[in-house]
């Protein structure tokens, strides 16, 4: 059995848990904490693993991905540019037309209620089938 076959046989939730454990330290804690908040905000969320082991949370489309780097954990919202962010959680990829990201650095706390609201808004946007771009086309 090839390594990829073994990985494909495991549920995504197990692979994500394994990834969090492998990260350990503050990055594992941060990714684990954000995963719990996503699950609390949307009990119907689907966990997937894509793109070389990247955790992905979806509901009628991708909500966000969870990437880890040496100095940060990055949560990239697939349609972040179409989401309202009154708490100013988005602090990365701000110049893109579609995505927005939240970079979490060691010792940094994220406003839990604002993050859950962002997740719920992303789910609602996915469920509506609309984005900022399609809304503009509809007005034209």
N, C-alpha and C. Protein backbone atom coordinates (compact mmCIF):
# COMPACT_ATOMS: atom_id res chain seq x y z
N UNK A 1 0.84 -1.19 0.00
CA UNK A 1 0.00 0.00 0.00
C UNK A 1 0.88 1.24 0.00
N UNK A 2 0.61 2.15 -0.91
CA UNK A 2 1.37 3.39 -0.98
C UNK A 2 0.95 4.31 0.17
N UNK A 3 1.84 5.23 0.49
CA UNK A 3 1.56 6.18 1.57
C UNK A 3 0.28 6.96 1.28
N UNK A 4 0.08 7.38 0.04
CA UNK A 4 -1.12 8.16 -0.29
C UNK A 4 -2.39 7.32 -0.08
N UNK A 5 -2.31 6.01 -0.35
CA UNK A 5 -3.46 5.14 -0.11
C UNK A 5 -3.79 5.10 1.37
N UNK A 6 -2.77 5.01 2.21
CA UNK A 6 -2.98 4.96 3.66
C UNK A 6 -3.62 6.25 4.15
N UNK A 7 -3.17 7.38 3.60
CA UNK A 7 -3.74 8.67 3.99
C UNK A 7 -5.19 8.76 3.54
N UNK A 8 -5.49 8.32 2.33
CA UNK A 8 -6.84 8.41 1.81
C UNK A 8 -7.81 7.52 2.58
N UNK A 9 -7.30 6.49 3.23
CA UNK A 9 -8.16 5.58 4.00
C UNK A 9 -8.56 6.17 5.35
N UNK A 10 -7.89 7.22 5.79
CA UNK A 10 -8.19 7.82 7.09
C UNK A 10 -9.20 8.95 6.94
N UNK A 11 -10.12 9.06 7.89
CA UNK A 11 -11.05 10.20 7.84
C UNK A 11 -10.29 11.52 7.99
N UNK A 12 -10.78 12.54 7.33
CA UNK A 12 -10.13 13.85 7.38
C UNK A 12 -10.00 14.36 8.81
N UNK A 13 -11.02 14.12 9.63
CA UNK A 13 -10.96 14.61 11.02
C UNK A 13 -9.76 14.01 11.76
N UNK A 14 -9.46 12.73 11.48
CA UNK A 14 -8.29 12.10 12.11
C UNK A 14 -7.00 12.72 11.59
N UNK A 15 -6.94 12.98 10.29
CA UNK A 15 -5.74 13.58 9.70
C UNK A 15 -5.50 14.99 10.26
N UNK A 16 -6.58 15.74 10.46
CA UNK A 16 -6.44 17.09 11.02
C UNK A 16 -6.00 17.01 12.47
N UNK A 17 -6.57 16.09 13.22
CA UNK A 17 -6.14 15.91 14.61
C UNK A 17 -4.66 15.54 14.67
N UNK A 18 -4.24 14.67 13.77
CA UNK A 18 -2.84 14.26 13.70
C UNK A 18 -1.94 15.45 13.37
N UNK A 19 -2.38 16.27 12.43
CA UNK A 19 -1.61 17.45 12.03
C UNK A 19 -1.45 18.41 13.20
N UNK A 20 -2.52 18.62 13.95
CA UNK A 20 -2.48 19.50 15.12
C UNK A 20 -1.50 18.95 16.15
N UNK A 21 -1.55 17.65 16.38
CA UNK A 21 -0.64 17.01 17.34
C UNK A 21 0.81 17.12 16.87
N UNK A 22 1.04 16.92 15.57
CA UNK A 22 2.40 17.01 15.02
C UNK A 22 2.96 18.42 15.17
N UNK A 23 2.12 19.42 14.98
CA UNK A 23 2.56 20.80 15.13
C UNK A 23 3.01 21.06 16.55
N UNK A 24 2.16 20.61 17.51
CA UNK A 24 2.48 20.83 18.91
C UNK A 24 2.63 22.31 19.23
N UNK A 25 3.12 22.59 20.40
CA UNK A 25 3.39 23.97 20.81
C UNK A 25 2.25 24.93 20.57
N UNK A 26 2.61 26.19 20.46
CA UNK A 26 1.59 27.23 20.31
C UNK A 26 0.85 27.11 18.98
N UNK A 27 1.52 26.66 17.91
CA UNK A 27 0.84 26.55 16.61
C UNK A 27 -0.22 25.46 16.64
N UNK A 28 0.09 24.33 17.25
CA UNK A 28 -0.91 23.27 17.39
C UNK A 28 -2.08 23.71 18.24
N UNK A 29 -1.78 24.42 19.33
CA UNK A 29 -2.84 24.94 20.20
C UNK A 29 -3.73 25.93 19.45
N UNK A 30 -3.11 26.83 18.69
CA UNK A 30 -3.88 27.84 17.96
C UNK A 30 -4.76 27.20 16.90
N UNK A 31 -4.21 26.27 16.12
CA UNK A 31 -5.00 25.61 15.08
C UNK A 31 -6.12 24.78 15.70
N UNK A 32 -5.83 24.10 16.80
CA UNK A 32 -6.86 23.32 17.51
C UNK A 32 -7.97 24.20 18.05
N UNK A 33 -7.60 25.35 18.61
CA UNK A 33 -8.59 26.28 19.16
C UNK A 33 -9.49 26.82 18.05
N UNK A 34 -8.89 27.19 16.91
CA UNK A 34 -9.68 27.73 15.80
C UNK A 34 -10.58 26.65 15.21
N UNK A 35 -10.10 25.42 15.18
CA UNK A 35 -10.92 24.30 14.69
C UNK A 35 -12.17 24.15 15.55
N UNK A 36 -11.99 24.21 16.87
CA UNK A 36 -13.14 24.10 17.78
C UNK A 36 -14.14 25.22 17.56
N UNK A 37 -13.63 26.44 17.35
CA UNK A 37 -14.52 27.58 17.11
C UNK A 37 -15.31 27.41 15.81
N UNK A 38 -14.65 26.89 14.78
CA UNK A 38 -15.33 26.63 13.51
C UNK A 38 -16.45 25.62 13.73
N UNK A 39 -16.15 24.55 14.46
CA UNK A 39 -17.14 23.50 14.72
C UNK A 39 -18.29 24.02 15.58
N UNK A 40 -18.00 24.91 16.52
CA UNK A 40 -19.06 25.50 17.35
C UNK A 40 -19.93 26.43 16.53
N UNK A 41 -19.31 27.20 15.63
CA UNK A 41 -20.06 28.16 14.82
C UNK A 41 -20.94 27.45 13.79
N UNK A 42 -20.47 26.30 13.30
CA UNK A 42 -21.23 25.56 12.29
C UNK A 42 -21.12 24.07 12.56
N UNK A 43 -22.07 23.52 13.35
CA UNK A 43 -22.05 22.09 13.65
C UNK A 43 -22.14 21.21 12.39
N UNK A 44 -22.56 21.76 11.26
CA UNK A 44 -22.65 21.00 10.02
C UNK A 44 -21.41 21.10 9.14
N UNK A 45 -20.33 21.67 9.68
CA UNK A 45 -19.11 21.85 8.90
C UNK A 45 -18.53 20.49 8.49
N UNK A 46 -17.95 20.46 7.31
CA UNK A 46 -17.30 19.26 6.79
C UNK A 46 -15.80 19.51 6.81
N UNK A 47 -15.05 18.59 7.42
CA UNK A 47 -13.60 18.69 7.45
C UNK A 47 -13.02 17.89 6.30
N UNK A 48 -12.06 18.49 5.61
CA UNK A 48 -11.38 17.84 4.50
C UNK A 48 -9.89 18.12 4.64
N UNK A 49 -9.10 17.33 3.93
CA UNK A 49 -7.66 17.57 3.85
C UNK A 49 -7.31 17.63 2.37
N UNK A 50 -6.73 18.76 1.96
CA UNK A 50 -6.38 18.97 0.55
C UNK A 50 -4.99 19.57 0.47
N UNK A 51 -4.51 19.71 -0.74
CA UNK A 51 -3.28 20.46 -1.01
C UNK A 51 -2.15 20.15 -0.04
N UNK A 52 -1.61 18.97 -0.16
CA UNK A 52 -0.47 18.53 0.65
C UNK A 52 -0.77 18.56 2.15
N UNK A 53 -1.95 18.12 2.51
CA UNK A 53 -2.28 17.97 3.93
C UNK A 53 -2.88 19.18 4.61
N UNK A 54 -3.32 20.15 3.87
CA UNK A 54 -3.90 21.36 4.46
C UNK A 54 -5.32 21.09 4.96
N UNK A 55 -5.60 21.39 6.23
CA UNK A 55 -6.98 21.27 6.73
C UNK A 55 -7.89 22.27 6.02
N UNK A 56 -9.07 21.79 5.64
CA UNK A 56 -10.05 22.62 4.95
C UNK A 56 -11.40 22.41 5.62
N UNK A 57 -12.11 23.49 5.91
CA UNK A 57 -13.45 23.41 6.48
C UNK A 57 -14.43 23.93 5.44
N UNK A 58 -15.47 23.13 5.16
CA UNK A 58 -16.42 23.46 4.11
C UNK A 58 -17.86 23.32 4.58
N UNK A 59 -18.73 24.04 3.92
CA UNK A 59 -20.18 23.92 4.05
C UNK A 59 -20.76 24.58 2.82
N UNK A 60 -21.24 23.78 1.88
CA UNK A 60 -21.71 24.29 0.58
C UNK A 60 -20.61 25.05 -0.14
N UNK A 61 -19.38 24.67 0.07
CA UNK A 61 -18.20 25.33 -0.49
C UNK A 61 -17.20 25.56 0.61
N UNK A 62 -16.01 25.94 0.25
CA UNK A 62 -14.95 26.14 1.25
C UNK A 62 -15.25 27.36 2.11
N UNK A 63 -15.16 27.15 3.42
CA UNK A 63 -15.23 28.27 4.37
C UNK A 63 -13.83 28.85 4.51
N UNK A 64 -12.90 27.99 4.99
CA UNK A 64 -11.53 28.44 5.15
C UNK A 64 -10.57 27.26 5.20
N UNK A 65 -9.29 27.59 5.04
CA UNK A 65 -8.23 26.61 5.17
C UNK A 65 -7.40 26.99 6.39
N UNK A 66 -6.70 26.02 6.94
CA UNK A 66 -5.84 26.26 8.09
C UNK A 66 -4.41 25.85 7.79
N UNK A 67 -3.57 26.82 7.56
CA UNK A 67 -2.18 26.54 7.22
C UNK A 67 -1.28 26.92 8.39
N UNK A 68 -0.16 26.24 8.49
CA UNK A 68 0.79 26.57 9.55
C UNK A 68 2.15 26.88 8.95
N UNK A 69 2.76 27.91 9.46
CA UNK A 69 4.07 28.36 9.05
C UNK A 69 4.94 28.45 10.30
N UNK A 70 6.21 28.70 10.11
CA UNK A 70 7.14 28.76 11.24
C UNK A 70 6.71 29.79 12.29
N UNK A 71 6.22 30.93 11.81
CA UNK A 71 5.91 32.04 12.71
C UNK A 71 4.43 32.34 12.88
N UNK A 72 3.55 31.56 12.21
CA UNK A 72 2.13 31.88 12.31
C UNK A 72 1.26 30.71 11.89
N UNK A 73 -0.02 30.83 12.27
CA UNK A 73 -1.07 29.96 11.76
C UNK A 73 -1.96 30.88 10.94
N UNK A 74 -2.27 30.45 9.71
CA UNK A 74 -3.04 31.29 8.78
C UNK A 74 -4.36 30.62 8.46
N UNK A 75 -5.45 31.34 8.68
CA UNK A 75 -6.78 30.88 8.29
C UNK A 75 -7.22 31.74 7.11
N UNK A 76 -7.31 31.10 5.94
CA UNK A 76 -7.66 31.81 4.72
C UNK A 76 -9.10 31.52 4.36
N UNK A 77 -9.92 32.56 4.33
CA UNK A 77 -11.33 32.44 3.97
C UNK A 77 -11.46 32.57 2.46
N UNK A 78 -12.02 31.54 1.84
CA UNK A 78 -12.09 31.46 0.38
C UNK A 78 -12.81 32.66 -0.24
N UNK A 79 -13.86 33.15 0.40
CA UNK A 79 -14.63 34.29 -0.12
C UNK A 79 -14.58 35.46 0.87
N UNK A 80 -13.45 35.60 1.53
CA UNK A 80 -13.31 36.60 2.58
C UNK A 80 -13.58 38.02 2.16
N UNK A 81 -13.26 38.37 0.91
CA UNK A 81 -13.49 39.74 0.45
C UNK A 81 -14.97 40.10 0.39
N UNK A 82 -15.82 39.08 0.38
CA UNK A 82 -17.27 39.32 0.34
C UNK A 82 -17.90 39.33 1.73
N UNK A 83 -17.09 39.14 2.76
CA UNK A 83 -17.62 39.07 4.13
C UNK A 83 -17.43 40.40 4.86
N UNK A 84 -18.39 40.72 5.70
CA UNK A 84 -18.25 41.88 6.58
C UNK A 84 -17.33 41.47 7.72
N UNK A 85 -16.42 42.34 8.09
CA UNK A 85 -15.47 42.05 9.16
C UNK A 85 -15.39 43.24 10.12
N UNK A 86 -16.50 43.51 10.85
CA UNK A 86 -16.52 44.70 11.70
C UNK A 86 -15.47 44.67 12.81
N UNK A 87 -15.05 43.49 13.24
CA UNK A 87 -14.05 43.39 14.30
C UNK A 87 -12.63 43.51 13.77
N UNK A 88 -12.48 43.54 12.44
CA UNK A 88 -11.15 43.69 11.85
C UNK A 88 -10.25 42.48 12.06
N UNK A 89 -10.82 41.28 11.99
CA UNK A 89 -10.02 40.08 12.17
C UNK A 89 -9.08 39.82 10.99
N UNK A 90 -9.52 40.15 9.79
CA UNK A 90 -8.68 39.92 8.62
C UNK A 90 -7.47 40.85 8.69
N UNK A 91 -6.28 40.26 8.66
CA UNK A 91 -5.06 41.06 8.73
C UNK A 91 -4.03 40.64 7.68
N UNK A 92 -4.47 39.83 6.71
CA UNK A 92 -3.56 39.35 5.67
C UNK A 92 -4.35 39.12 4.37
N UNK A 93 -3.65 39.18 3.25
CA UNK A 93 -4.27 39.01 1.93
C UNK A 93 -5.37 40.04 1.71
N UNK A 94 -5.16 41.24 2.20
CA UNK A 94 -6.19 42.28 2.16
C UNK A 94 -6.35 42.92 0.78
N UNK A 95 -5.37 42.73 -0.08
CA UNK A 95 -5.45 43.36 -1.40
C UNK A 95 -6.03 42.43 -2.47
N UNK A 96 -6.38 41.21 -2.10
CA UNK A 96 -6.96 40.28 -3.06
C UNK A 96 -8.41 40.59 -3.36
N UNK A 97 -8.89 40.10 -4.48
CA UNK A 97 -10.27 40.34 -4.88
C UNK A 97 -11.25 39.33 -4.28
N UNK A 98 -10.74 38.18 -3.81
CA UNK A 98 -11.64 37.14 -3.35
C UNK A 98 -11.32 36.70 -1.92
N UNK A 99 -10.09 36.32 -1.67
CA UNK A 99 -9.72 35.76 -0.36
C UNK A 99 -9.34 36.84 0.64
N UNK A 100 -9.43 36.45 1.91
CA UNK A 100 -8.91 37.23 3.03
C UNK A 100 -8.39 36.23 4.04
N UNK A 101 -7.41 36.64 4.83
CA UNK A 101 -6.84 35.71 5.79
C UNK A 101 -6.66 36.35 7.16
N UNK A 102 -6.57 35.48 8.15
CA UNK A 102 -6.27 35.88 9.52
C UNK A 102 -4.96 35.19 9.87
N UNK A 103 -3.92 35.98 10.12
CA UNK A 103 -2.65 35.43 10.58
C UNK A 103 -2.64 35.51 12.10
N UNK A 104 -2.37 34.38 12.73
CA UNK A 104 -2.32 34.31 14.19
C UNK A 104 -0.87 34.04 14.58
N UNK A 105 -0.30 34.92 15.38
CA UNK A 105 1.07 34.79 15.82
C UNK A 105 1.12 34.32 17.27
N UNK A 106 2.27 33.84 17.68
CA UNK A 106 2.43 33.30 19.03
C UNK A 106 1.96 34.31 20.07
N UNK A 107 1.14 33.86 21.00
CA UNK A 107 0.64 34.70 22.08
C UNK A 107 -0.57 35.54 21.71
N UNK A 108 -0.97 35.52 20.47
CA UNK A 108 -2.09 36.33 20.01
C UNK A 108 -3.42 35.62 20.26
N UNK A 109 -4.39 36.34 20.75
CA UNK A 109 -5.74 35.82 20.94
C UNK A 109 -6.64 36.38 19.85
N UNK A 110 -7.59 35.58 19.42
CA UNK A 110 -8.57 36.00 18.42
C UNK A 110 -9.91 36.14 19.11
N UNK A 111 -10.63 37.21 18.82
CA UNK A 111 -11.96 37.43 19.39
C UNK A 111 -12.87 36.28 18.95
N UNK A 112 -13.21 35.42 19.90
CA UNK A 112 -13.95 34.20 19.59
C UNK A 112 -15.33 34.47 19.00
N UNK A 113 -16.07 35.40 19.58
CA UNK A 113 -17.42 35.65 19.07
C UNK A 113 -17.37 36.27 17.68
N UNK A 114 -16.42 37.16 17.44
CA UNK A 114 -16.28 37.77 16.11
C UNK A 114 -15.86 36.72 15.09
N UNK A 115 -14.98 35.79 15.48
CA UNK A 115 -14.55 34.74 14.56
C UNK A 115 -15.71 33.81 14.21
N UNK A 116 -16.49 33.43 15.21
CA UNK A 116 -17.66 32.57 14.95
C UNK A 116 -18.65 33.27 14.03
N UNK A 117 -18.85 34.57 14.23
CA UNK A 117 -19.75 35.33 13.36
C UNK A 117 -19.23 35.33 11.92
N UNK A 118 -17.92 35.43 11.75
CA UNK A 118 -17.32 35.40 10.42
C UNK A 118 -17.54 34.04 9.76
N UNK A 119 -17.38 32.97 10.52
CA UNK A 119 -17.62 31.62 10.00
C UNK A 119 -19.07 31.46 9.59
N UNK A 120 -19.99 31.91 10.44
CA UNK A 120 -21.42 31.79 10.11
C UNK A 120 -21.77 32.61 8.87
N UNK A 121 -21.15 33.77 8.73
CA UNK A 121 -21.40 34.59 7.54
C UNK A 121 -20.86 33.91 6.29
N UNK A 122 -19.70 33.26 6.40
CA UNK A 122 -19.13 32.54 5.26
C UNK A 122 -20.03 31.38 4.85
N UNK A 123 -20.59 30.68 5.83
CA UNK A 123 -21.52 29.58 5.54
C UNK A 123 -22.76 30.12 4.84
N UNK A 124 -23.30 31.22 5.35
CA UNK A 124 -24.50 31.81 4.74
C UNK A 124 -24.21 32.24 3.30
N UNK A 125 -23.03 32.81 3.07
CA UNK A 125 -22.67 33.22 1.71
C UNK A 125 -22.56 32.00 0.80
N UNK A 126 -21.90 30.95 1.27
CA UNK A 126 -21.79 29.73 0.47
C UNK A 126 -23.17 29.15 0.18
N UNK A 127 -24.03 29.13 1.17
CA UNK A 127 -25.37 28.55 1.01
C UNK A 127 -26.24 29.36 0.07
N UNK A 128 -25.98 30.67 0.01
CA UNK A 128 -26.77 31.52 -0.88
C UNK A 128 -26.30 31.39 -2.33
N UNK A 129 -25.10 30.90 -2.52
CA UNK A 129 -24.56 30.76 -3.86
C UNK A 129 -24.11 32.07 -4.46
N UNK A 130 -24.02 33.10 -3.64
CA UNK A 130 -23.65 34.43 -4.13
C UNK A 130 -22.30 34.86 -3.58
N UNK A 131 -21.66 35.74 -4.29
CA UNK A 131 -20.45 36.39 -3.83
C UNK A 131 -20.53 37.84 -4.27
N UNK A 132 -19.56 38.63 -3.86
CA UNK A 132 -19.54 40.04 -4.24
C UNK A 132 -19.54 40.18 -5.77
N UNK A 133 -18.76 39.34 -6.45
CA UNK A 133 -18.66 39.40 -7.91
C UNK A 133 -20.00 39.08 -8.57
N UNK A 134 -20.68 38.05 -8.09
CA UNK A 134 -21.97 37.70 -8.71
C UNK A 134 -23.03 38.73 -8.37
N UNK A 135 -22.91 39.38 -7.22
CA UNK A 135 -23.87 40.42 -6.86
C UNK A 135 -23.69 41.62 -7.79
N UNK A 136 -22.44 41.94 -8.15
CA UNK A 136 -22.19 43.04 -9.06
C UNK A 136 -22.78 42.74 -10.44
N UNK A 137 -22.61 41.51 -10.90
CA UNK A 137 -23.15 41.11 -12.20
C UNK A 137 -24.67 41.20 -12.21
N UNK A 138 -25.29 40.86 -11.10
CA UNK A 138 -26.75 40.88 -10.99
C UNK A 138 -27.28 42.31 -11.11
N UNK A 139 -26.49 43.27 -10.59
CA UNK A 139 -26.91 44.67 -10.64
C UNK A 139 -26.75 45.25 -12.04
N UNK A 140 -25.83 44.71 -12.80
CA UNK A 140 -25.51 45.26 -14.15
C UNK A 140 -26.64 45.06 -15.14
